[in-house]
């Protein structure tokens, strides 16, 4: 199959995700010279459809396709929510051995999110009509065969280490005040995820940064605002003038509120959102 044949076929297809996803992936394999999963790995230990995965928040799921050391891949039907598919992959990535690339696809678009350790996130999008271009071919060949070619050149190690230090400090402080370790861990996970979601565009632009900036000197207000935000993220809906999409995976369901002091708010990973954003977008 060549690129024009692929484009012509999939431009006309209107099948639902489950009806089309595996055939679409097999056609991509044919286009790129990749043996299909059943031939490349008959046992399914390193390359397979429907790789079982435990969610970070508990429960089980699966990635539509997985290739060890290369990618986790999630399909959605045409014109569906690829941000939601990406969030879904994020909840599985540890069970998928933390692949360097997280790929989401709706048959019209293939969106590749980098997931390399200690590097900022980068996003590469290939649209169906672009599949006959050298750029698209280079990106997709890298996804299947040489994921390191998509590794960002700018490290975020300093920001990562600083966030880890802040997380450790705030966790210790909260435990010393009597907060349950599990509640503390969940609360900090939520803050870190909000910071990350803002960086990659899953939250409205600067929403979390504005929240932190306006309330960091008022711990009670900070606590109320983040609790309200978590509740909206669990269900989807309006947060002030912004509309928030629903985040699957149970990370924002339930959970005890945690009261922070002003020093703890300032020390929290949320306070490093702006620095993280600046580094993650550096070239």
C-alpha atoms as a PDB file:
ATOM      1  CA  UNK A   1       0.000   0.000   0.000  1.00  0.00           C
ATOM      2  CA  UNK A   2       1.316   3.452  -0.886  1.00  0.00           C
ATOM      3  CA  UNK A   3       0.424   6.783   0.699  1.00  0.00           C
ATOM      4  CA  UNK A   4      -2.097   7.819  -1.957  1.00  0.00           C
ATOM      5  CA  UNK A   5      -3.922   4.497  -1.674  1.00  0.00           C
ATOM      6  CA  UNK A   6      -4.026   4.882   2.101  1.00  0.00           C
ATOM      7  CA  UNK A   7      -5.373   8.436   1.889  1.00  0.00           C
ATOM      8  CA  UNK A   8      -7.992   7.500  -0.704  1.00  0.00           C
ATOM      9  CA  UNK A   9      -9.250   4.558   1.341  1.00  0.00           C
ATOM     10  CA  UNK A  10      -9.429   6.233   4.747  1.00  0.00           C
ATOM     11  CA  UNK A  11     -10.828   9.527   3.498  1.00  0.00           C
ATOM     12  CA  UNK A  12     -14.079   7.709   2.691  1.00  0.00           C
ATOM     13  CA  UNK A  13     -14.328   5.529   5.802  1.00  0.00           C
ATOM     14  CA  UNK A  14     -16.951   6.510   8.390  1.00  0.00           C
ATOM     15  CA  UNK A  15     -16.869   3.353  10.518  1.00  0.00           C
ATOM     16  CA  UNK A  16     -16.895   3.552  14.294  1.00  0.00           C
ATOM     17  CA  UNK A  17     -13.671   3.167  16.263  1.00  0.00           C
ATOM     18  CA  UNK A  18     -14.073  -0.511  17.097  1.00  0.00           C
ATOM     19  CA  UNK A  19     -14.992  -1.385  13.513  1.00  0.00           C
ATOM     20  CA  UNK A  20     -12.068   0.441  11.939  1.00  0.00           C
ATOM     21  CA  UNK A  21      -9.141   0.798  14.329  1.00  0.00           C
ATOM     22  CA  UNK A  22      -7.264  -2.468  13.799  1.00  0.00           C
ATOM     23  CA  UNK A  23      -7.625  -2.349  10.022  1.00  0.00           C
ATOM     24  CA  UNK A  24      -6.397   1.244  10.042  1.00  0.00           C
ATOM     25  CA  UNK A  25      -3.361   0.248  12.076  1.00  0.00           C
ATOM     26  CA  UNK A  26      -2.590  -2.734   9.826  1.00  0.00           C
ATOM     27  CA  UNK A  27      -2.735  -0.445   6.790  1.00  0.00           C
ATOM     28  CA  UNK A  28      -0.282   1.888   8.513  1.00  0.00           C
ATOM     29  CA  UNK A  29       2.019  -1.076   9.095  1.00  0.00           C
ATOM     30  CA  UNK A  30       1.826  -1.941   5.390  1.00  0.00           C
ATOM     31  CA  UNK A  31       2.508   1.662   4.422  1.00  0.00           C
ATOM     32  CA  UNK A  32       5.564   1.959   6.671  1.00  0.00           C
ATOM     33  CA  UNK A  33       7.093  -1.474   6.137  1.00  0.00           C
ATOM     34  CA  UNK A  34       6.300  -2.695   9.637  1.00  0.00           C
ATOM     35  CA  UNK A  35       5.318  -6.340  10.058  1.00  0.00           C
ATOM     36  CA  UNK A  36       1.865  -6.499  11.684  1.00  0.00           C
ATOM     37  CA  UNK A  37       1.750  -7.444  15.370  1.00  0.00           C
ATOM     38  CA  UNK A  38       0.734 -11.089  14.873  1.00  0.00           C
ATOM     39  CA  UNK A  39       3.648 -11.653  12.499  1.00  0.00           C
ATOM     40  CA  UNK A  40       6.239  -9.529  14.294  1.00  0.00           C
ATOM     41  CA  UNK A  41       5.394 -10.983  17.710  1.00  0.00           C
ATOM     42  CA  UNK A  42       3.126 -14.067  17.606  1.00  0.00           C
ATOM     43  CA  UNK A  43       3.211 -14.335  21.416  1.00  0.00           C
ATOM     44  CA  UNK A  44       2.271 -10.702  21.994  1.00  0.00           C
ATOM     45  CA  UNK A  45       5.025  -9.988  24.511  1.00  0.00           C
ATOM     46  CA  UNK A  46       6.354  -6.829  22.884  1.00  0.00           C
ATOM     47  CA  UNK A  47       3.944  -5.799  20.102  1.00  0.00           C
ATOM     48  CA  UNK A  48       0.209  -6.425  20.227  1.00  0.00           C
ATOM     49  CA  UNK A  49      -3.323  -5.126  20.039  1.00  0.00           C
ATOM     50  CA  UNK A  50      -5.290  -4.493  23.243  1.00  0.00           C
ATOM     51  CA  UNK A  51      -2.436  -4.557  25.692  1.00  0.00           C
ATOM     52  CA  UNK A  52      -3.873  -4.936  29.196  1.00  0.00           C
ATOM     53  CA  UNK A  53      -2.965  -2.124  31.560  1.00  0.00           C
ATOM     54  CA  UNK A  54      -3.710  -1.126  35.130  1.00  0.00           C
ATOM     55  CA  UNK A  55      -4.771   2.482  35.621  1.00  0.00           C
ATOM     56  CA  UNK A  56      -2.669   4.623  37.945  1.00  0.00           C
ATOM     57  CA  UNK A  57      -5.851   5.456  39.832  1.00  0.00           C
ATOM     58  CA  UNK A  58      -6.916   1.813  40.125  1.00  0.00           C
ATOM     59  CA  UNK A  59      -8.858  -0.550  37.896  1.00  0.00           C
ATOM     60  CA  UNK A  60      -7.964  -2.092  34.566  1.00  0.00           C
ATOM     61  CA  UNK A  61      -8.099  -1.028  30.940  1.00  0.00           C
ATOM     62  CA  UNK A  62      -6.069  -1.494  27.800  1.00  0.00           C
ATOM     63  CA  UNK A  63      -4.187   0.355  25.116  1.00  0.00           C
ATOM     64  CA  UNK A  64      -5.463  -0.332  21.604  1.00  0.00           C
ATOM     65  CA  UNK A  65      -1.922  -1.044  20.380  1.00  0.00           C
ATOM     66  CA  UNK A  66       1.391  -1.309  22.190  1.00  0.00           C
ATOM     67  CA  UNK A  67       4.951  -1.729  20.961  1.00  0.00           C
ATOM     68  CA  UNK A  68       7.532  -2.153  23.678  1.00  0.00           C
ATOM     69  CA  UNK A  69      10.056   0.652  23.816  1.00  0.00           C
ATOM     70  CA  UNK A  70       8.178   2.618  21.174  1.00  0.00           C
ATOM     71  CA  UNK A  71       4.570   3.566  21.890  1.00  0.00           C
ATOM     72  CA  UNK A  72       1.187   3.111  23.460  1.00  0.00           C
ATOM     73  CA  UNK A  73      -1.554   3.855  20.913  1.00  0.00           C
ATOM     74  CA  UNK A  74      -5.179   4.772  21.539  1.00  0.00           C
ATOM     75  CA  UNK A  75      -7.864   5.061  18.863  1.00  0.00           C
ATOM     76  CA  UNK A  76     -11.049   7.106  18.831  1.00  0.00           C
ATOM     77  CA  UNK A  77     -13.753   7.374  16.187  1.00  0.00           C
ATOM     78  CA  UNK A  78     -13.554  10.112  13.577  1.00  0.00           C
ATOM     79  CA  UNK A  79     -13.774  13.629  14.998  1.00  0.00           C
ATOM     80  CA  UNK A  80     -13.838  12.339  18.586  1.00  0.00           C
ATOM     81  CA  UNK A  81     -11.972  13.792  21.577  1.00  0.00           C
ATOM     82  CA  UNK A  82      -8.270  12.995  21.170  1.00  0.00           C
ATOM     83  CA  UNK A  83      -7.393  14.926  24.326  1.00  0.00           C
ATOM     84  CA  UNK A  84      -9.524  12.426  26.213  1.00  0.00           C
ATOM     85  CA  UNK A  85      -7.712   9.547  24.517  1.00  0.00           C
ATOM     86  CA  UNK A  86      -4.397  11.062  25.581  1.00  0.00           C
ATOM     87  CA  UNK A  87      -5.512  11.379  29.194  1.00  0.00           C
ATOM     88  CA  UNK A  88      -6.578   7.742  29.022  1.00  0.00           C
ATOM     89  CA  UNK A  89      -3.097   6.718  27.863  1.00  0.00           C
ATOM     90  CA  UNK A  90      -1.532   8.758  30.646  1.00  0.00           C
ATOM     91  CA  UNK A  91      -3.394   6.644  33.189  1.00  0.00           C
ATOM     92  CA  UNK A  92      -2.000   3.466  31.596  1.00  0.00           C
ATOM     93  CA  UNK A  93       1.570   4.447  30.810  1.00  0.00           C
ATOM     94  CA  UNK A  94       3.266   2.860  33.820  1.00  0.00           C
ATOM     95  CA  UNK A  95       1.609  -0.479  33.059  1.00  0.00           C
ATOM     96  CA  UNK A  96       2.777  -0.094  29.455  1.00  0.00           C
ATOM     97  CA  UNK A  97       6.385   0.184  30.698  1.00  0.00           C
ATOM     98  CA  UNK A  98       6.282   3.954  30.205  1.00  0.00           C
ATOM     99  CA  UNK A  99       6.785   4.040  26.417  1.00  0.00           C
ATOM    100  CA  UNK A 100       8.627   7.053  24.969  1.00  0.00           C
ATOM    101  CA  UNK A 101       5.680   7.969  22.744  1.00  0.00           C
ATOM    102  CA  UNK A 102       1.938   8.154  23.442  1.00  0.00           C
ATOM    103  CA  UNK A 103      -0.069   8.188  20.216  1.00  0.00           C
ATOM    104  CA  UNK A 104      -3.748   9.013  19.728  1.00  0.00           C
ATOM    105  CA  UNK A 105      -5.603   8.694  16.446  1.00  0.00           C
ATOM    106  CA  UNK A 106      -9.095   9.270  15.039  1.00  0.00           C
ATOM    107  CA  UNK A 107      -8.282   8.010  11.494  1.00  0.00           C
ATOM    108  CA  UNK A 108      -8.094  11.626  10.252  1.00  0.00           C
ATOM    109  CA  UNK A 109      -5.298  12.655  12.621  1.00  0.00           C
ATOM    110  CA  UNK A 110      -2.379  10.900  14.252  1.00  0.00           C
ATOM    111  CA  UNK A 111      -1.143  12.898  17.246  1.00  0.00           C
ATOM    112  CA  UNK A 112       2.161  11.850  18.804  1.00  0.00           C
ATOM    113  CA  UNK A 113       2.964  13.020  22.349  1.00  0.00           C
ATOM    114  CA  UNK A 114       6.524  12.516  23.544  1.00  0.00           C
ATOM    115  CA  UNK A 115       6.891  10.828  26.933  1.00  0.00           C
ATOM    116  CA  UNK A 116      10.660  10.675  27.453  1.00  0.00           C
ATOM    117  CA  UNK A 117      11.999  10.834  30.998  1.00  0.00           C
ATOM    118  CA  UNK A 118      13.269  14.253  32.106  1.00  0.00           C
ATOM    119  CA  UNK A 119      12.321  16.027  28.888  1.00  0.00           C
ATOM    120  CA  UNK A 120       9.538  18.474  28.066  1.00  0.00           C
ATOM    121  CA  UNK A 121       6.477  17.243  26.231  1.00  0.00           C
ATOM    122  CA  UNK A 122       6.376  17.745  22.461  1.00  0.00           C
ATOM    123  CA  UNK A 123       3.422  17.095  20.177  1.00  0.00           C
ATOM    124  CA  UNK A 124       3.654  16.051  16.523  1.00  0.00           C
ATOM    125  CA  UNK A 125       0.452  15.904  14.476  1.00  0.00           C
ATOM    126  CA  UNK A 126       0.058  14.156  11.130  1.00  0.00           C
ATOM    127  CA  UNK A 127      -3.186  14.638   9.215  1.00  0.00           C
ATOM    128  CA  UNK A 128      -4.522  12.104   6.747  1.00  0.00           C
ATOM    129  CA  UNK A 129      -4.013  14.361   3.741  1.00  0.00           C
ATOM    130  CA  UNK A 130      -0.348  14.866   4.748  1.00  0.00           C
ATOM    131  CA  UNK A 131       0.599  11.190   4.724  1.00  0.00           C
ATOM    132  CA  UNK A 132       2.310  11.471   1.353  1.00  0.00           C
ATOM    133  CA  UNK A 133       4.742  14.140   2.599  1.00  0.00           C
ATOM    134  CA  UNK A 134       8.347  13.498   3.704  1.00  0.00           C
ATOM    135  CA  UNK A 135       7.617  15.078   7.101  1.00  0.00           C
ATOM    136  CA  UNK A 136       4.753  12.689   7.837  1.00  0.00           C
ATOM    137  CA  UNK A 137       6.753   9.683   6.686  1.00  0.00           C
ATOM    138  CA  UNK A 138       9.700  10.699   8.869  1.00  0.00           C
ATOM    139  CA  UNK A 139       7.538  11.142  11.970  1.00  0.00           C
ATOM    140  CA  UNK A 140       5.691   7.849  11.546  1.00  0.00           C
ATOM    141  CA  UNK A 141       8.838   5.872  10.752  1.00  0.00           C
ATOM    142  CA  UNK A 142      10.318   7.268  13.963  1.00  0.00           C
ATOM    143  CA  UNK A 143       7.213   6.210  15.917  1.00  0.00           C
ATOM    144  CA  UNK A 144       7.528   2.610  14.741  1.00  0.00           C
ATOM    145  CA  UNK A 145      11.282   2.144  14.476  1.00  0.00           C
ATOM    146  CA  UNK A 146      13.344   4.965  16.023  1.00  0.00           C
ATOM    147  CA  UNK A 147      11.389   6.832  18.708  1.00  0.00           C
ATOM    148  CA  UNK A 148      14.546   8.581  19.938  1.00  0.00           C
ATOM    149  CA  UNK A 149      14.447  10.671  16.763  1.00  0.00           C
ATOM    150  CA  UNK A 150      11.466  12.463  18.314  1.00  0.00           C
ATOM    151  CA  UNK A 151      13.155  13.022  21.663  1.00  0.00           C
ATOM    152  CA  UNK A 152      13.170  16.736  22.562  1.00  0.00           C
ATOM    153  CA  UNK A 153      16.621  18.221  22.645  1.00  0.00           C
ATOM    154  CA  UNK A 154      16.014  20.454  25.670  1.00  0.00           C
ATOM    155  CA  UNK A 155      16.027  18.752  29.050  1.00  0.00           C
ATOM    156  CA  UNK A 156      13.642  19.633  31.832  1.00  0.00           C
ATOM    157  CA  UNK A 157      15.756  17.872  34.467  1.00  0.00           C
ATOM    158  CA  UNK A 158      16.187  21.013  36.569  1.00  0.00           C
ATOM    159  CA  UNK A 159      12.453  21.690  36.661  1.00  0.00           C
ATOM    160  CA  UNK A 160      11.724  18.021  37.374  1.00  0.00           C
ATOM    161  CA  UNK A 161      14.170  17.911  40.271  1.00  0.00           C
ATOM    162  CA  UNK A 162      12.818  21.166  41.694  1.00  0.00           C
ATOM    163  CA  UNK A 163       9.241  19.877  41.500  1.00  0.00           C
ATOM    164  CA  UNK A 164      10.309  16.637  43.201  1.00  0.00           C
ATOM    165  CA  UNK A 165      12.006  18.606  45.981  1.00  0.00           C
ATOM    166  CA  UNK A 166       8.891  20.720  46.532  1.00  0.00           C
ATOM    167  CA  UNK A 167       6.658  17.656  46.553  1.00  0.00           C
ATOM    168  CA  UNK A 168       8.861  16.007  49.164  1.00  0.00           C
ATOM    169  CA  UNK A 169       8.842  19.071  51.395  1.00  0.00           C
ATOM    170  CA  UNK A 170       5.099  19.613  51.253  1.00  0.00           C
ATOM    171  CA  UNK A 171       4.349  15.915  51.794  1.00  0.00           C
ATOM    172  CA  UNK A 172       6.551  15.794  54.880  1.00  0.00           C
ATOM    173  CA  UNK A 173       5.005  18.971  56.281  1.00  0.00           C
ATOM    174  CA  UNK A 174       1.457  17.706  55.787  1.00  0.00           C
ATOM    175  CA  UNK A 175       2.196  14.323  57.318  1.00  0.00           C
ATOM    176  CA  UNK A 176       3.773  16.003  60.325  1.00  0.00           C
ATOM    177  CA  UNK A 177       0.506  17.917  60.807  1.00  0.00           C
ATOM    178  CA  UNK A 178      -1.424  14.647  60.838  1.00  0.00           C
ATOM    179  CA  UNK A 179      -2.764  14.358  57.298  1.00  0.00           C
ATOM    180  CA  UNK A 180      -3.103  10.778  56.062  1.00  0.00           C
ATOM    181  CA  UNK A 181      -0.320   9.745  53.717  1.00  0.00           C
ATOM    182  CA  UNK A 182      -2.727   8.454  51.059  1.00  0.00           C
ATOM    183  CA  UNK A 183      -4.719  11.704  51.077  1.00  0.00           C
ATOM    184  CA  UNK A 184      -1.534  13.751  50.799  1.00  0.00           C
ATOM    185  CA  UNK A 185      -0.270  11.675  47.873  1.00  0.00           C
ATOM    186  CA  UNK A 186      -3.568  11.976  46.001  1.00  0.00           C
ATOM    187  CA  UNK A 187      -3.764  15.727  46.576  1.00  0.00           C
ATOM    188  CA  UNK A 188      -0.228  16.303  45.317  1.00  0.00           C
ATOM    189  CA  UNK A 189      -0.825  14.021  42.327  1.00  0.00           C
ATOM    190  CA  UNK A 190      -3.779  16.214  41.419  1.00  0.00           C
ATOM    191  CA  UNK A 191      -1.744  19.412  41.658  1.00  0.00           C
ATOM    192  CA  UNK A 192       1.026  17.953  39.509  1.00  0.00           C
ATOM    193  CA  UNK A 193      -1.474  16.710  36.939  1.00  0.00           C
ATOM    194  CA  UNK A 194      -3.115  20.146  36.740  1.00  0.00           C
ATOM    195  CA  UNK A 195       0.286  21.709  36.146  1.00  0.00           C
ATOM    196  CA  UNK A 196       1.004  19.170  33.410  1.00  0.00           C
ATOM    197  CA  UNK A 197      -2.475  19.489  31.870  1.00  0.00           C
ATOM    198  CA  UNK A 198      -2.010  23.238  31.563  1.00  0.00           C
ATOM    199  CA  UNK A 199       1.404  22.771  29.948  1.00  0.00           C
ATOM    200  CA  UNK A 200       0.046  20.494  27.201  1.00  0.00           C
ATOM    201  CA  UNK A 201      -3.202  22.375  26.609  1.00  0.00           C
ATOM    202  CA  UNK A 202      -5.669  20.045  28.325  1.00  0.00           C
ATOM    203  CA  UNK A 203      -6.783  22.922  30.558  1.00  0.00           C
ATOM    204  CA  UNK A 204      -7.697  26.392  29.250  1.00  0.00           C
ATOM    205  CA  UNK A 205      -4.659  28.584  28.753  1.00  0.00           C
ATOM    206  CA  UNK A 206      -3.088  29.753  32.040  1.00  0.00           C
ATOM    207  CA  UNK A 207      -6.162  28.736  34.046  1.00  0.00           C
ATOM    208  CA  UNK A 208      -4.172  26.933  36.714  1.00  0.00           C
ATOM    209  CA  UNK A 209      -1.410  29.558  36.726  1.00  0.00           C
ATOM    210  CA  UNK A 210      -3.981  32.289  37.331  1.00  0.00           C
ATOM    211  CA  UNK A 211      -5.613  30.307  40.117  1.00  0.00           C
ATOM    212  CA  UNK A 212      -2.287  29.845  41.906  1.00  0.00           C
ATOM    213  CA  UNK A 213      -1.166  33.427  41.400  1.00  0.00           C
ATOM    214  CA  UNK A 214      -4.411  34.888  42.766  1.00  0.00           C
ATOM    215  CA  UNK A 215      -4.637  32.675  45.838  1.00  0.00           C
ATOM    216  CA  UNK A 216      -1.123  31.685  46.881  1.00  0.00           C
ATOM    217  CA  UNK A 217      -1.151  34.270  49.703  1.00  0.00           C
ATOM    218  CA  UNK A 218      -4.585  33.123  50.885  1.00  0.00           C
ATOM    219  CA  UNK A 219      -4.410  29.388  51.715  1.00  0.00           C
ATOM    220  CA  UNK A 220      -8.133  29.071  52.465  1.00  0.00           C
ATOM    221  CA  UNK A 221      -9.007  30.549  49.093  1.00  0.00           C
ATOM    222  CA  UNK A 222      -6.412  28.363  47.374  1.00  0.00           C
ATOM    223  CA  UNK A 223      -7.880  25.267  49.009  1.00  0.00           C
ATOM    224  CA  UNK A 224     -11.422  26.156  47.980  1.00  0.00           C
ATOM    225  CA  UNK A 225     -10.448  26.984  44.407  1.00  0.00           C
ATOM    226  CA  UNK A 226      -8.451  23.819  43.791  1.00  0.00           C
ATOM    227  CA  UNK A 227     -11.155  21.684  45.441  1.00  0.00           C
ATOM    228  CA  UNK A 228     -13.751  23.275  43.147  1.00  0.00           C
ATOM    229  CA  UNK A 229     -11.468  22.764  40.138  1.00  0.00           C
ATOM    230  CA  UNK A 230     -10.900  19.095  40.975  1.00  0.00           C
ATOM    231  CA  UNK A 231     -14.671  18.567  41.246  1.00  0.00           C
ATOM    232  CA  UNK A 232     -15.274  20.121  37.823  1.00  0.00           C
ATOM    233  CA  UNK A 233     -12.442  18.092  36.262  1.00  0.00           C
ATOM    234  CA  UNK A 234     -14.056  14.904  37.578  1.00  0.00           C
ATOM    235  CA  UNK A 235     -17.376  15.649  35.853  1.00  0.00           C
ATOM    236  CA  UNK A 236     -16.681  18.286  33.214  1.00  0.00           C
ATOM    237  CA  UNK A 237     -18.423  21.663  33.195  1.00  0.00           C
ATOM    238  CA  UNK A 238     -17.866  25.340  33.874  1.00  0.00           C
ATOM    239  CA  UNK A 239     -15.186  26.758  36.139  1.00  0.00           C
ATOM    240  CA  UNK A 240     -15.790  30.482  36.267  1.00  0.00           C
ATOM    241  CA  UNK A 241     -15.830  31.704  32.674  1.00  0.00           C
ATOM    242  CA  UNK A 242     -13.941  28.645  31.407  1.00  0.00           C
ATOM    243  CA  UNK A 243     -15.315  25.303  30.269  1.00  0.00           C
ATOM    244  CA  UNK A 244     -13.409  22.283  31.569  1.00  0.00           C
ATOM    245  CA  UNK A 245     -13.490  18.924  29.855  1.00  0.00           C
ATOM    246  CA  UNK A 246     -14.108  15.764  31.894  1.00  0.00           C
ATOM    247  CA  UNK A 247     -10.963  13.875  32.890  1.00  0.00           C
ATOM    248  CA  UNK A 248     -11.411  10.110  33.037  1.00  0.00           C
ATOM    249  CA  UNK A 249      -9.393   7.789  35.245  1.00  0.00           C
ATOM    250  CA  UNK A 250     -10.836   8.570  38.701  1.00  0.00           C
ATOM    251  CA  UNK A 251      -7.908  10.778  39.720  1.00  0.00           C
ATOM    252  CA  UNK A 252     -10.308  13.614  40.594  1.00  0.00           C
ATOM    253  CA  UNK A 253     -13.099  11.523  42.088  1.00  0.00           C
ATOM    254  CA  UNK A 254     -13.680  11.918  45.825  1.00  0.00           C
ATOM    255  CA  UNK A 255     -10.555  12.533  47.918  1.00  0.00           C
ATOM    256  CA  UNK A 256     -10.272  14.393  51.195  1.00  0.00           C
ATOM    257  CA  UNK A 257      -9.521  18.150  50.999  1.00  0.00           C
ATOM    258  CA  UNK A 258      -6.119  19.161  52.351  1.00  0.00           C
ATOM    259  CA  UNK A 259      -5.620  22.465  54.182  1.00  0.00           C
ATOM    260  CA  UNK A 260      -2.322  24.167  53.336  1.00  0.00           C
ATOM    261  CA  UNK A 261      -0.482  27.001  55.024  1.00  0.00           C
ATOM    262  CA  UNK A 262       0.779  29.959  53.002  1.00  0.00           C
ATOM    263  CA  UNK A 263       4.315  28.535  53.092  1.00  0.00           C
ATOM    264  CA  UNK A 264       3.044  25.157  51.906  1.00  0.00           C
ATOM    265  CA  UNK A 265       1.158  26.721  49.008  1.00  0.00           C
ATOM    266  CA  UNK A 266       4.321  28.557  47.986  1.00  0.00           C
ATOM    267  CA  UNK A 267       6.366  25.360  48.308  1.00  0.00           C
ATOM    268  CA  UNK A 268       3.877  23.216  46.397  1.00  0.00           C
ATOM    269  CA  UNK A 269       4.512  21.992  42.837  1.00  0.00           C
ATOM    270  CA  UNK A 270       1.623  24.200  41.727  1.00  0.00           C
ATOM    271  CA  UNK A 271       3.770  27.253  42.432  1.00  0.00           C
ATOM    272  CA  UNK A 272       6.293  26.126  39.821  1.00  0.00           C
ATOM    273  CA  UNK A 273       3.748  26.036  36.988  1.00  0.00           C
ATOM    274  CA  UNK A 274       5.118  29.088  35.212  1.00  0.00           C
ATOM    275  CA  UNK A 275       8.715  27.883  35.352  1.00  0.00           C
ATOM    276  CA  UNK A 276       7.650  24.459  34.070  1.00  0.00           C
ATOM    277  CA  UNK A 277       5.716  25.987  31.207  1.00  0.00           C
ATOM    278  CA  UNK A 278       8.645  28.165  30.169  1.00  0.00           C
ATOM    279  CA  UNK A 279      11.039  25.236  30.118  1.00  0.00           C
ATOM    280  CA  UNK A 280       8.691  22.780  28.417  1.00  0.00           C
ATOM    281  CA  UNK A 281       8.181  25.174  25.514  1.00  0.00           C
ATOM    282  CA  UNK A 282      11.848  26.063  25.097  1.00  0.00           C
ATOM    283  CA  UNK A 283      13.461  25.085  21.813  1.00  0.00           C
END
